[in-house]
Amino acid sequence: MKFTEFHLEQSLISAIEKLGYSECTPIQGAAIPHILEGRDISGLAQTGTGKTAAFVIPLMDRILKGRLSTENLSDEEKQKHQLRSFADWKAQNFILILVPTRELAEQVYENIVKLSEFSGLRGVSVYGGTSYEKQKEAFKTGVEFVVATPGRLIDLYKEHVLDLKQVRAIVFDEADRMFDMGFKDDMKFILSRVPRERQFLVFSATLNFDVLNTAYQFGSEPIEIDLSRDQAKAENVKDQIFHVGHHEKPMYLLSLIKKLNPRQVIIFSNFKMNVERIASFLSRNNIPAMGISSLLTQAQRNRVIELFKAENEKNILVATDVAARGLDIKGVDLVINYELPNDAESYVHRIGRTGRAGAEGTAYSLVCDRDVESLTRIEDYLKHKIEMGWLDDQDMVREFQAFPSEDLSPGNSMEKPKAQGEHRGGHGRAQHGRPRGERSHAGGRSQGGRGPQGRHPRREGERSGERGGERPQHGDRRQGAKEAGQRGGQQFRDKERQHAKGGAPHAKSGHPHSKSAHHKGPHAKPAHAKRPHQGQAKPSHGGHAKPAPQKAGIGGKVAKFFKNLFGG
């Protein structure tokens, strides 16, 4: 079916032809006639099949027809015109399109700008991380399309920048993703404040019943158009998995990229802290890469996207799922999942970044033992096993700069191979060239950081709560750190240090070169001074001996411990 068969306004047809489109995609051919007639739609189609144009084009046509005069039309023509247009369209009316991410907001906004080139329709993108003033200014001059993330839209509504009663149609783009991200209450808040007679459109590649129930709850009865019921992912995307060890993933990542030499690649990671590590690893191995995640400001994220779209050497993008939705870049010929996503729908959206608009695409996933459960969920969703890939030995890259060793990913405690110049060592042992307090490979910290039990060891020379007169061996720092760590919280340590600075006689070390002898100042007790034994008189501040109470058993030891801890 061709776009000309829908009898669209000429300015809209001119914009479509300039973009090089003539034939409709299946979702466009199925949805556009119903939207032109003002009906509610629930559109489900594979990613990359033109869902954005499927709702933007007919909504634009309805606005343009609503502005036309009907004075010279017959009654039959007026009735048909009224059916195909937003009747009595006013200057303050607008179409509201809600999206889950900033990237998707910009993507939809760019489509609106291109399609409205000859019609004069205007739009604005509204999302967090950018200035309020520019967005407020756009509403003052008037817009026909508002593309927004729910949070920033509600902020502007509460500041009376926009009036939700002026909404003539509302679109939920990637509605299931908005629900997954916790926007369900925000979406209900917005739906309860727009008019009931608005047109309601829902589009996604994966749609759940919760979204449809919300539509029914607010008076909508959408026509369901489901073009992905039999196949979850696009037919023109070839996906394979590679079963690898966890610390073999960097080697396989390099090998796949160098073997295929793709023009544009998107690499997905589950953890935002891993994004820069992967990008740095590739760049250090002469494969320029950029990272994008929520750790970047919006201006930085926009800059990265622009560089990725441009023709230059920076043709590899490392991203979290923030980029899995909304990136419509036709040149992406390879997607690599460094980790499999936790949910199957995200897998579909990730690999859908390649093979756009009917082109052929390839998607590879690196699967280790930690990805097995995710793989099971994905294959159950796809209703088939994913083909296994294989790299010949001659295709493997064996010599490369090591993957960054510091693993900051939440929930990811992988073990890395040692890089040159690093020392694995035991708990709390320092590594060559690493600053104090930085985590070692074995999971402990170097001196000055946390001990193996996760508590801060005291400085050498501080008392470590001897039981029965036993003391830690000064030559064994690990044992001293362990005993010190077992003694408890930061409040007790602060109290001890406070008494130590004031001359309290609790810092003890029999070693003449201990830290206490050098750092505790003139008030520190000499190393050879003996501590009063249990039952021996202890001098008070007034100089009189005060007999210590006789305690026996574990109770006496506990009482003695706390008495010594708090300085008397």
Protein backbone atom coordinates (compact mmCIF):
# COMPACT_ATOMS: atom_id res chain seq x y z
CA MET A 1 0.00 0.00 0.00
CA LYS A 2 1.24 3.50 -0.88
CA PHE A 3 0.90 6.61 1.27
CA THR A 4 -0.92 8.39 -1.55
CA GLU A 5 -3.86 5.99 -1.16
CA PHE A 6 -4.73 7.56 2.21
CA HIS A 7 -5.59 10.94 0.61
CA LEU A 8 -3.28 12.81 2.94
CA GLU A 9 -2.76 16.57 2.76
CA GLN A 10 -0.33 17.58 0.02
CA SER A 11 2.18 19.21 2.39
CA LEU A 12 2.42 15.93 4.27
CA ILE A 13 2.80 13.89 1.08
CA SER A 14 5.64 16.19 -0.02
CA ALA A 15 7.51 15.63 3.25
CA ILE A 16 7.06 11.85 3.01
CA GLU A 17 8.34 11.79 -0.57
CA LYS A 18 11.36 13.93 0.36
CA LEU A 19 12.28 11.34 2.99
CA GLY A 20 12.24 8.70 0.25
CA TYR A 21 9.18 6.78 1.44
CA SER A 22 6.41 5.59 -0.84
CA GLU A 23 5.35 2.13 0.38
CA CYS A 24 3.87 1.60 3.85
CA THR A 25 5.22 -0.97 6.27
CA PRO A 26 2.70 -3.55 7.53
CA ILE A 27 2.05 -1.71 10.82
CA GLN A 28 1.61 1.58 8.97
CA GLY A 29 -0.80 0.09 6.47
CA ALA A 30 -2.84 -1.52 9.25
CA ALA A 31 -2.90 1.41 11.72
CA ILE A 32 -3.12 4.58 9.61
CA PRO A 33 -6.71 4.08 8.27
CA HIS A 34 -8.09 3.54 11.81
CA ILE A 35 -6.20 6.53 13.24
CA LEU A 36 -7.42 8.77 10.41
CA GLU A 37 -10.99 7.85 11.43
CA GLY A 38 -10.33 8.88 15.03
CA ARG A 39 -10.34 5.40 16.56
CA ASP A 40 -8.25 4.20 19.48
CA ILE A 41 -5.44 1.79 18.58
CA SER A 42 -3.25 -0.75 20.33
CA GLY A 43 -0.44 -1.44 17.86
CA LEU A 44 1.97 -4.29 18.39
CA ALA A 45 4.73 -4.85 15.85
CA GLN A 46 8.36 -5.88 15.71
CA THR A 47 10.93 -3.22 16.44
CA GLY A 48 12.26 -1.31 13.45
CA THR A 49 9.05 -1.55 11.43
CA GLY A 50 8.09 2.15 11.42
CA LYS A 51 5.72 2.46 14.37
CA THR A 52 6.60 6.14 14.95
CA ALA A 53 5.49 7.17 11.46
CA ALA A 54 2.42 4.94 11.87
CA PHE A 55 0.97 7.37 14.42
CA VAL A 56 2.70 10.69 13.57
CA ILE A 57 1.58 10.81 9.92
CA PRO A 58 -2.18 10.28 10.48
CA LEU A 59 -2.26 12.59 13.50
CA MET A 60 -0.61 15.34 11.45
CA ASP A 61 -3.14 14.83 8.70
CA ARG A 62 -6.02 15.12 11.18
CA ILE A 63 -4.63 18.43 12.49
CA LEU A 64 -4.18 19.84 9.00
CA LYS A 65 -7.70 18.84 7.96
CA GLY A 66 -9.09 20.34 11.17
CA ARG A 67 -7.70 23.73 10.15
CA LEU A 68 -9.36 23.73 6.74
CA SER A 69 -12.53 25.64 6.11
CA THR A 70 -15.65 23.58 5.37
CA GLU A 71 -17.84 26.43 4.06
CA ASN A 72 -17.81 25.28 0.45
CA LEU A 73 -18.26 21.58 1.19
CA SER A 74 -21.45 19.60 0.80
CA ASP A 75 -23.09 17.99 3.80
CA GLU A 76 -21.70 14.60 2.84
CA GLU A 77 -18.22 16.04 2.38
CA LYS A 78 -18.49 17.88 5.70
CA GLN A 79 -19.42 14.66 7.46
CA LYS A 80 -16.49 12.83 5.90
CA HIS A 81 -14.17 15.73 6.67
CA GLN A 82 -15.30 15.80 10.29
CA LEU A 83 -14.64 12.08 10.61
CA ARG A 84 -11.08 12.45 9.26
CA SER A 85 -10.10 15.57 11.24
CA PHE A 86 -9.84 17.04 14.72
CA ALA A 87 -12.99 19.11 14.62
CA ASP A 88 -12.72 22.66 15.97
CA TRP A 89 -8.98 22.44 16.41
CA LYS A 90 -7.83 25.47 18.43
CA ALA A 91 -4.44 27.14 18.70
CA GLN A 92 -3.89 25.89 22.28
CA ASN A 93 -4.72 22.24 21.43
CA PHE A 94 -1.90 19.72 21.12
CA ILE A 95 -1.05 16.02 20.72
CA LEU A 96 0.72 14.42 23.70
CA ILE A 97 3.22 11.61 23.06
CA LEU A 98 4.61 9.92 26.18
CA VAL A 99 7.89 7.98 25.96
CA PRO A 100 10.06 6.21 28.57
CA THR A 101 13.51 7.66 27.78
CA ARG A 102 15.14 10.90 26.72
CA GLU A 103 16.68 9.24 23.68
CA LEU A 104 13.30 8.07 22.42
CA ALA A 105 11.85 11.55 23.05
CA GLU A 106 14.52 13.07 20.80
CA GLN A 107 13.99 10.35 18.19
CA VAL A 108 10.24 10.96 17.94
CA TYR A 109 10.76 14.73 17.95
CA GLU A 110 13.20 14.46 15.03
CA ASN A 111 10.60 12.50 13.05
CA ILE A 112 8.02 15.20 13.73
CA VAL A 113 10.40 17.93 12.52
CA LYS A 114 11.11 16.06 9.27
CA LEU A 115 7.48 15.22 8.51
CA SER A 116 6.25 18.76 9.26
CA GLU A 117 8.74 20.52 6.98
CA PHE A 118 6.10 21.77 4.52
CA SER A 119 3.10 21.99 6.83
CA GLY A 120 4.36 24.38 9.49
CA LEU A 121 3.40 22.11 12.39
CA ARG A 122 5.59 22.50 15.46
CA GLY A 123 6.71 20.23 18.25
CA VAL A 124 8.71 20.27 21.46
CA SER A 125 10.56 17.52 23.35
CA VAL A 126 10.20 17.61 27.13
CA TYR A 127 12.45 15.56 29.41
CA GLY A 128 14.68 15.90 32.45
CA GLY A 129 18.35 16.79 32.48
CA THR A 130 17.86 19.95 30.40
CA SER A 131 16.82 23.52 31.10
CA TYR A 132 13.19 24.27 31.91
CA GLU A 133 13.35 27.69 30.26
CA LYS A 134 13.77 26.49 26.68
CA GLN A 135 10.86 24.09 27.09
CA LYS A 136 8.67 26.76 28.69
CA GLU A 137 9.43 29.16 25.84
CA ALA A 138 8.21 26.62 23.27
CA PHE A 139 4.80 26.45 24.97
CA LYS A 140 4.50 30.24 24.88
CA THR A 141 4.83 30.31 21.08
CA GLY A 142 2.47 27.35 20.66
CA VAL A 143 3.06 23.74 19.58
CA GLU A 144 0.97 20.98 18.02
CA PHE A 145 3.05 18.05 19.32
CA VAL A 146 4.50 17.53 22.80
CA VAL A 147 6.89 14.56 23.13
CA ALA A 148 7.60 14.01 26.83
CA THR A 149 8.83 11.72 29.55
CA PRO A 150 6.21 11.53 32.32
CA GLY A 151 8.25 13.09 35.13
CA ARG A 152 9.20 16.37 33.43
CA LEU A 153 5.72 16.70 31.91
CA ILE A 154 4.10 16.52 35.36
CA ASP A 155 6.57 19.12 36.65
CA LEU A 156 5.57 21.55 33.91
CA TYR A 157 1.89 20.81 34.46
CA LYS A 158 2.17 21.62 38.18
CA GLU A 159 3.86 24.90 37.27
CA HIS A 160 0.89 25.69 34.97
CA VAL A 161 3.13 25.81 31.89
CA LEU A 162 0.71 23.55 29.99
CA ASP A 163 -2.93 22.60 30.29
CA LEU A 164 -3.67 18.90 29.94
CA LYS A 165 -7.30 19.72 29.16
CA GLN A 166 -6.07 20.86 25.73
CA VAL A 167 -4.88 17.38 24.74
CA ARG A 168 -6.78 16.08 21.69
CA ALA A 169 -4.90 12.79 21.37
CA ILE A 170 -2.50 10.92 23.62
CA VAL A 171 0.05 8.34 22.50
CA PHE A 172 1.90 5.86 24.70
CA ASP A 173 5.04 4.91 22.79
CA GLU A 174 6.80 1.87 24.31
CA ALA A 175 4.10 1.75 26.98
CA ASP A 176 5.29 -1.51 28.50
CA ARG A 177 8.73 -0.02 29.07
CA MET A 178 7.20 2.94 30.92
CA PHE A 179 5.35 0.53 33.21
CA ASP A 180 8.54 -1.45 33.79
CA MET A 181 10.41 1.75 34.69
CA GLY A 182 7.88 2.66 37.36
CA PHE A 183 5.89 5.30 35.44
CA LYS A 184 2.55 3.57 35.87
CA ASP A 185 1.26 5.98 38.52
CA ASP A 186 2.50 8.97 36.52
CA MET A 187 0.70 7.72 33.43
CA LYS A 188 -2.52 7.30 35.40
CA PHE A 189 -2.07 10.79 36.83
CA ILE A 190 -1.84 12.20 33.30
CA LEU A 191 -4.72 10.12 31.91
CA SER A 192 -7.00 11.29 34.71
CA ARG A 193 -6.42 14.92 33.69
CA VAL A 194 -6.80 14.75 29.91
CA PRO A 195 -10.31 14.87 28.40
CA ARG A 196 -12.19 11.58 28.09
CA GLU A 197 -13.04 12.28 24.45
CA ARG A 198 -9.36 12.31 23.38
CA GLN A 199 -7.97 9.76 20.93
CA PHE A 200 -5.83 7.14 22.67
CA LEU A 201 -3.03 5.25 20.88
CA VAL A 202 -0.68 2.62 22.36
CA PHE A 203 2.33 1.31 20.40
CA SER A 204 5.10 -1.11 21.32
CA ALA A 205 7.05 -4.12 20.18
CA THR A 206 6.01 -5.99 23.33
CA LEU A 207 2.75 -5.19 25.09
CA ASN A 208 1.49 -6.55 28.39
CA PHE A 209 -2.03 -6.86 29.76
CA ASP A 210 -1.40 -4.26 32.46
CA VAL A 211 -1.10 -1.57 29.78
CA LEU A 212 -4.35 -2.59 28.11
CA ASN A 213 -6.15 -2.77 31.46
CA THR A 214 -5.08 0.81 32.14
CA ALA A 215 -6.46 1.85 28.74
CA TYR A 216 -9.80 0.18 29.51
CA GLN A 217 -9.83 1.75 32.98
CA PHE A 218 -9.76 5.24 31.45
CA GLY A 219 -12.54 4.69 28.96
CA SER A 220 -10.61 3.50 25.93
CA GLU A 221 -11.55 0.47 23.83
CA PRO A 222 -8.63 0.22 21.39
CA ILE A 223 -8.63 -1.80 18.22
CA GLU A 224 -5.86 -4.37 18.71
CA ILE A 225 -3.42 -4.65 15.82
CA ASP A 226 -0.93 -7.41 16.55
CA LEU A 227 1.62 -8.09 13.84
CA SER A 228 4.17 -9.83 16.07
CA ARG A 229 2.04 -12.59 17.59
CA ASP A 230 3.77 -15.40 15.69
CA GLN A 231 7.30 -14.02 15.80
CA ALA A 232 8.75 -11.88 18.56
CA LYS A 233 11.85 -10.65 16.74
CA ALA A 234 12.41 -9.37 13.24
CA GLU A 235 12.96 -12.01 10.59
CA ASN A 236 15.90 -10.17 9.04
CA VAL A 237 18.04 -10.23 12.22
CA LYS A 238 20.32 -13.25 12.56
CA ASP A 239 21.14 -13.85 16.23
CA GLN A 240 23.63 -16.30 17.73
CA ILE A 241 25.07 -17.02 21.16
CA PHE A 242 28.65 -17.86 22.13
CA HIS A 243 29.17 -19.95 25.26
CA VAL A 244 32.28 -18.52 26.93
CA GLY A 245 33.88 -18.23 30.34
CA HIS A 246 33.21 -14.99 32.17
CA HIS A 247 36.73 -13.61 31.84
CA GLU A 248 36.90 -14.78 28.21
CA LYS A 249 34.29 -12.21 27.20
CA PRO A 250 36.81 -9.43 26.42
CA MET A 251 38.76 -11.74 24.12
CA TYR A 252 35.62 -12.84 22.26
CA LEU A 253 34.41 -9.25 22.01
CA LEU A 254 37.62 -8.18 20.30
CA SER A 255 37.68 -11.26 18.10
CA LEU A 256 34.13 -10.80 16.81
CA ILE A 257 34.63 -7.13 15.99
CA LYS A 258 37.96 -7.66 14.25
CA LYS A 259 36.70 -10.64 12.27
CA LEU A 260 33.49 -9.00 11.02
CA ASN A 261 34.86 -5.43 10.73
CA PRO A 262 31.34 -3.92 10.96
CA ARG A 263 30.55 -0.34 10.04
CA GLN A 264 28.50 0.46 13.16
CA VAL A 265 28.20 -1.59 16.35
CA ILE A 266 26.15 -1.27 19.53
CA ILE A 267 27.41 -3.26 22.54
CA PHE A 268 24.95 -3.68 25.40
CA SER A 269 25.84 -4.16 29.05
CA ASN A 270 23.48 -4.64 32.00
CA PHE A 271 25.53 -2.36 34.25
CA LYS A 272 26.15 1.33 33.75
CA MET A 273 29.44 1.08 35.63
CA ASN A 274 30.67 -1.42 33.01
CA VAL A 275 29.93 0.84 30.04
CA GLU A 276 33.05 3.02 30.33
CA ARG A 277 35.19 0.00 31.18
CA ILE A 278 34.17 -1.77 27.95
CA ALA A 279 34.62 1.41 25.89
CA SER A 280 38.05 2.01 27.45
CA PHE A 281 39.08 -1.59 26.81
CA LEU A 282 38.18 -1.34 23.11
CA SER A 283 39.85 2.06 22.69
CA ARG A 284 43.07 0.78 24.31
CA ASN A 285 43.04 -2.01 21.72
CA ASN A 286 42.79 0.39 18.76
CA ILE A 287 39.01 0.08 18.33
CA PRO A 288 37.58 3.56 19.05
CA ALA A 289 34.41 3.30 21.13
CA MET A 290 32.09 5.59 23.08
CA GLY A 291 29.89 4.89 26.10
CA ILE A 292 26.40 6.13 26.89
CA SER A 293 24.53 5.60 30.15
CA SER A 294 22.62 7.50 32.81
CA LEU A 295 25.96 8.57 34.34
CA LEU A 296 26.32 11.15 31.53
CA THR A 297 24.55 14.48 31.45
CA GLN A 298 21.90 14.96 28.80
CA ALA A 299 24.18 17.21 26.76
CA GLN A 300 26.90 14.55 26.84
CA ARG A 301 24.42 11.85 25.83
CA ASN A 302 23.20 13.93 22.89
CA ARG A 303 26.78 14.53 21.80
CA VAL A 304 27.60 10.80 21.90
CA ILE A 305 24.53 9.97 19.79
CA GLU A 306 25.45 12.61 17.22
CA LEU A 307 29.00 11.28 16.97
CA PHE A 308 27.72 7.75 16.59
CA LYS A 309 25.37 8.72 13.77
CA ALA A 310 28.06 10.68 11.93
CA GLU A 311 30.51 9.18 9.46
CA ASN A 312 33.73 8.91 11.45
CA GLU A 313 35.96 6.40 13.21
CA LYS A 314 33.82 6.54 16.37
CA ASN A 315 31.43 3.89 15.08
CA ILE A 316 31.10 1.69 18.19
CA LEU A 317 28.65 2.56 20.96
CA VAL A 318 28.61 0.84 24.36
CA ALA A 319 25.27 1.29 26.09
CA THR A 320 22.87 0.14 28.75
CA ASP A 321 19.21 -0.51 27.98
CA VAL A 322 18.70 3.26 27.97
CA ALA A 323 19.68 3.02 24.29
CA ALA A 324 17.75 -0.16 23.50
CA ARG A 325 14.63 1.87 22.79
CA GLY A 326 14.47 4.87 20.55
CA LEU A 327 17.68 4.62 18.54
CA ASP A 328 16.64 4.45 14.91
CA ILE A 329 19.97 4.31 13.06
CA LYS A 330 19.78 2.38 9.83
CA GLY A 331 23.53 1.80 9.53
CA VAL A 332 23.89 -0.44 12.60
CA ASP A 333 24.92 -3.81 11.21
CA LEU A 334 26.00 -5.56 14.43
CA VAL A 335 24.69 -5.78 18.00
CA ILE A 336 26.62 -7.56 20.76
CA ASN A 337 25.18 -8.41 24.16
CA TYR A 338 28.12 -8.41 26.58
CA GLU A 339 25.64 -9.74 29.15
CA LEU A 340 22.18 -11.08 28.43
CA PRO A 341 19.39 -8.85 29.76
CA ASN A 342 17.29 -10.09 32.66
CA ASP A 343 14.01 -9.96 30.72
CA ALA A 344 13.25 -11.35 27.29
CA GLU A 345 11.55 -8.22 25.97
CA SER A 346 14.76 -6.22 26.42
CA TYR A 347 16.58 -8.82 24.33
CA VAL A 348 14.11 -8.26 21.49
CA HIS A 349 14.55 -4.50 21.68
CA ARG A 350 18.33 -4.73 21.88
CA ILE A 351 18.79 -6.88 18.79
CA GLY A 352 16.15 -4.75 17.07
CA ARG A 353 18.68 -1.89 16.87
CA THR A 354 20.09 -3.70 13.83
CA GLY A 355 18.19 -4.79 10.73
CA ARG A 356 16.18 -1.55 10.60
CA ALA A 357 13.74 -0.81 7.79
CA GLY A 358 14.15 -4.22 6.14
CA ALA A 359 17.97 -4.30 6.11
CA GLU A 360 19.89 -7.40 7.18
CA GLY A 361 21.31 -7.36 10.70
CA THR A 362 23.41 -9.54 13.01
CA ALA A 363 23.25 -9.92 16.78
CA TYR A 364 25.67 -11.91 18.96
CA SER A 365 25.43 -12.63 22.68
CA LEU A 366 28.28 -13.67 24.99
CA VAL A 367 26.83 -16.21 27.42
CA CYS A 368 28.62 -17.42 30.54
CA ASP A 369 27.32 -19.36 33.54
CA ARG A 370 25.83 -16.16 34.99
CA ASP A 371 23.65 -15.67 31.90
CA VAL A 372 22.09 -19.14 31.84
CA GLU A 373 18.84 -18.19 33.59
CA SER A 374 18.37 -15.18 31.31
CA LEU A 375 19.00 -17.38 28.27
CA THR A 376 16.27 -19.79 29.40
CA ARG A 377 13.76 -16.95 29.75
CA ILE A 378 14.67 -15.53 26.34
CA GLU A 379 14.37 -18.87 24.53
CA ASP A 380 11.04 -19.56 26.23
CA TYR A 381 9.79 -16.17 25.03
CA LEU A 382 11.08 -16.69 21.48
CA LYS A 383 9.73 -20.28 21.48
CA HIS A 384 12.91 -21.63 19.95
CA LYS A 385 16.55 -22.24 20.79
CA ILE A 386 19.01 -19.57 19.73
CA GLU A 387 21.63 -20.81 17.31
CA MET A 388 25.12 -21.33 18.76
CA GLY A 389 28.03 -19.53 17.10
CA TRP A 390 31.65 -20.63 16.78
CA LEU A 391 34.97 -18.88 16.27
CA ASP A 392 37.88 -20.76 14.73
CA ASP A 393 41.19 -20.64 16.51
CA GLN A 394 42.75 -18.48 13.81
CA ASP A 395 40.03 -15.86 14.38
CA MET A 396 40.77 -15.51 18.08
CA VAL A 397 42.72 -12.46 19.22
CA ARG A 398 45.22 -13.67 21.81
CA GLU A 399 47.41 -10.61 22.33
CA PHE A 400 45.64 -7.50 23.62
CA GLN A 401 45.65 -4.89 26.36
CA ALA A 402 44.01 -6.29 29.47
CA PHE A 403 40.43 -5.53 30.41
CA PRO A 404 40.19 -2.95 33.25
CA SER A 405 40.45 -4.92 36.46
CA GLU A 406 38.37 -2.81 38.83
CA ASP A 407 34.84 -4.23 38.76
CA LEU A 408 32.38 -1.65 40.01
CA SER A 409 29.26 -3.21 38.54
CA PRO A 410 26.37 -3.65 41.00
CA GLY A 411 25.79 -7.33 41.65
CA ASN A 412 28.76 -8.31 39.53
CA SER A 413 31.66 -9.81 41.42
CA MET A 414 33.47 -11.43 38.53
CA GLU A 415 37.01 -12.65 38.84
CA LYS A 416 39.42 -11.11 36.37
CA PRO A 417 42.67 -12.43 34.94
CA LYS A 418 45.72 -10.72 36.35
CA ALA A 419 47.14 -7.85 34.33
CA GLN A 420 50.84 -7.24 34.03
CA GLY A 421 52.34 -5.65 37.16
CA GLU A 422 49.48 -6.70 39.46
CA HIS A 423 49.84 -8.93 42.48
CA ARG A 424 46.98 -11.09 43.68
CA GLY A 425 48.12 -11.73 47.26
CA GLY A 426 45.97 -12.51 50.28
CA HIS A 427 43.30 -10.58 52.15
CA GLY A 428 44.09 -6.92 52.50
CA ARG A 429 47.41 -7.15 50.63
CA ALA A 430 48.40 -4.17 48.51
CA GLN A 431 48.91 -4.45 44.76
CA HIS A 432 51.82 -2.96 42.84
CA GLY A 433 50.99 0.50 41.57
CA ARG A 434 47.57 0.65 43.27
CA PRO A 435 46.63 3.42 45.73
CA ARG A 436 45.94 2.66 49.38
CA GLY A 437 42.44 1.47 50.13
CA GLU A 438 41.73 0.19 46.60
CA ARG A 439 40.15 -3.23 46.24
CA SER A 440 42.40 -6.12 45.35
CA HIS A 441 41.57 -9.07 43.07
CA ALA A 442 40.92 -11.38 45.99
CA GLY A 443 38.17 -9.19 47.33
CA GLY A 444 40.00 -7.55 50.24
CA ARG A 445 41.62 -4.13 50.44
CA SER A 446 45.13 -2.85 50.74
CA GLN A 447 46.34 -1.29 53.99
CA GLY A 448 44.20 1.59 55.09
CA GLY A 449 40.99 0.11 53.62
CA ARG A 450 38.46 -2.41 54.87
CA GLY A 451 39.58 -5.75 56.20
CA PRO A 452 38.33 -9.14 55.06
CA GLN A 453 35.29 -8.93 57.34
CA GLY A 454 34.24 -5.60 55.81
CA ARG A 455 35.28 -3.54 58.90
CA HIS A 456 38.02 -0.97 59.22
CA PRO A 457 41.17 -2.35 60.94
CA ARG A 458 42.74 -0.03 63.50
CA ARG A 459 46.19 1.39 63.21
CA GLU A 460 48.99 -0.91 64.31
CA GLY A 461 49.74 -0.40 68.00
CA GLU A 462 46.13 0.13 69.13
CA ARG A 463 44.71 -2.32 71.61
CA SER A 464 42.68 -5.08 70.04
CA GLY A 465 40.69 -6.33 73.04
CA GLU A 466 42.97 -9.01 74.43
CA ARG A 467 41.25 -11.83 76.20
CA GLY A 468 42.97 -13.34 79.24
CA GLY A 469 46.08 -11.23 78.73
CA GLU A 470 46.70 -12.47 75.16
CA ARG A 471 47.92 -9.95 72.64
CA PRO A 472 48.07 -10.02 68.84
CA GLN A 473 51.46 -10.70 67.39
CA HIS A 474 52.80 -7.39 66.07
CA GLY A 475 54.45 -9.10 63.15
CA ASP A 476 51.14 -10.44 61.83
CA ARG A 477 49.07 -7.53 60.58
CA ARG A 478 46.34 -9.68 59.13
CA GLN A 479 45.61 -11.27 62.51
CA GLY A 480 45.59 -7.86 64.15
CA ALA A 481 43.21 -6.52 61.51
CA LYS A 482 40.92 -9.50 62.03
CA GLU A 483 40.75 -9.09 65.80
CA ALA A 484 40.31 -5.34 65.47
CA GLY A 485 37.52 -5.83 62.93
CA GLN A 486 35.66 -8.17 65.27
CA ARG A 487 35.45 -5.50 67.94
CA GLY A 488 32.70 -3.60 66.29
CA GLY A 489 31.43 -0.30 65.02
CA GLN A 490 32.68 3.09 64.15
CA GLN A 491 31.30 4.62 67.37
CA PHE A 492 33.58 2.50 69.55
CA ARG A 493 36.63 3.27 67.40
CA ASP A 494 35.98 7.01 67.49
CA LYS A 495 35.65 6.84 71.28
CA GLU A 496 38.94 5.00 71.60
CA ARG A 497 40.79 7.42 69.35
CA GLN A 498 39.38 10.36 71.30
CA HIS A 499 40.77 8.91 74.55
CA ALA A 500 44.07 8.10 72.86
CA LYS A 501 44.54 11.75 71.83
CA GLY A 502 43.73 12.87 75.37
CA GLY A 503 46.34 10.60 76.97
CA ALA A 504 44.14 7.68 77.97
CA PRO A 505 46.38 4.73 78.89
CA HIS A 506 44.76 2.23 76.53
CA ALA A 507 47.11 2.36 73.54
CA LYS A 508 49.62 -0.34 74.10
CA SER A 509 52.38 -1.87 72.07
CA GLY A 510 55.40 -3.69 73.27
CA HIS A 511 57.30 -2.86 70.11
CA PRO A 512 59.60 0.16 70.43
CA HIS A 513 59.04 1.11 66.76
CA SER A 514 55.26 0.72 66.66
CA LYS A 515 53.07 3.45 65.18
CA SER A 516 51.77 4.31 68.64
CA ALA A 517 55.25 5.32 69.75
CA HIS A 518 55.66 7.64 66.76
CA HIS A 519 52.20 9.09 66.28
CA LYS A 520 50.35 9.21 69.57
CA GLY A 521 52.26 12.25 70.87
CA PRO A 522 53.61 13.09 74.29
CA HIS A 523 50.52 11.79 76.09
CA ALA A 524 50.93 8.26 74.81
CA LYS A 525 51.96 5.71 77.38
CA PRO A 526 55.53 4.43 76.99
CA ALA A 527 55.81 1.10 75.28
CA HIS A 528 57.45 -0.54 78.33
CA ALA A 529 54.78 0.65 80.79
CA LYS A 530 52.79 -2.20 82.28
CA ARG A 531 49.05 -2.24 82.49
CA PRO A 532 47.51 -2.93 85.95
CA HIS A 533 46.53 -6.55 86.34
CA GLN A 534 43.05 -7.55 87.34
CA GLY A 535 42.62 -6.90 91.03
CA GLN A 536 45.55 -4.49 91.22
CA ALA A 537 44.84 -0.95 92.42
CA LYS A 538 44.41 1.53 89.63
CA PRO A 539 45.33 5.18 90.31
CA SER A 540 42.42 7.59 90.04
CA HIS A 541 42.59 11.18 88.87
CA GLY A 542 42.96 12.29 92.49
CA GLY A 543 46.00 10.12 93.04
CA HIS A 544 44.27 7.64 95.41
CA ALA A 545 44.21 4.00 94.65
CA LYS A 546 40.80 2.61 93.89
CA PRO A 547 40.46 -1.12 94.27
CA ALA A 548 39.14 -2.85 91.20
CA PRO A 549 36.12 -5.05 91.74
CA GLN A 550 36.79 -8.76 91.60
CA LYS A 551 35.04 -10.33 88.62
CA ALA A 552 35.12 -13.88 87.51
CA GLY A 553 34.08 -15.76 84.40
CA ILE A 554 32.90 -14.36 81.04
CA GLY A 555 30.75 -11.69 82.71
CA GLY A 556 33.77 -10.21 84.39
CA LYS A 557 35.70 -10.15 81.13
CA VAL A 558 32.83 -8.38 79.30
CA ALA A 559 32.54 -5.78 82.06
CA LYS A 560 36.29 -5.26 82.01
CA PHE A 561 36.25 -4.89 78.21
CA PHE A 562 33.65 -2.10 78.19
CA LYS A 563 35.26 -0.39 81.17
CA ASN A 564 38.61 -0.27 79.36
CA LEU A 565 36.88 0.70 76.11
CA PHE A 566 35.35 3.86 77.56
CA GLY A 567 38.35 4.83 79.61
CA GLY A 568 37.25 3.98 83.13
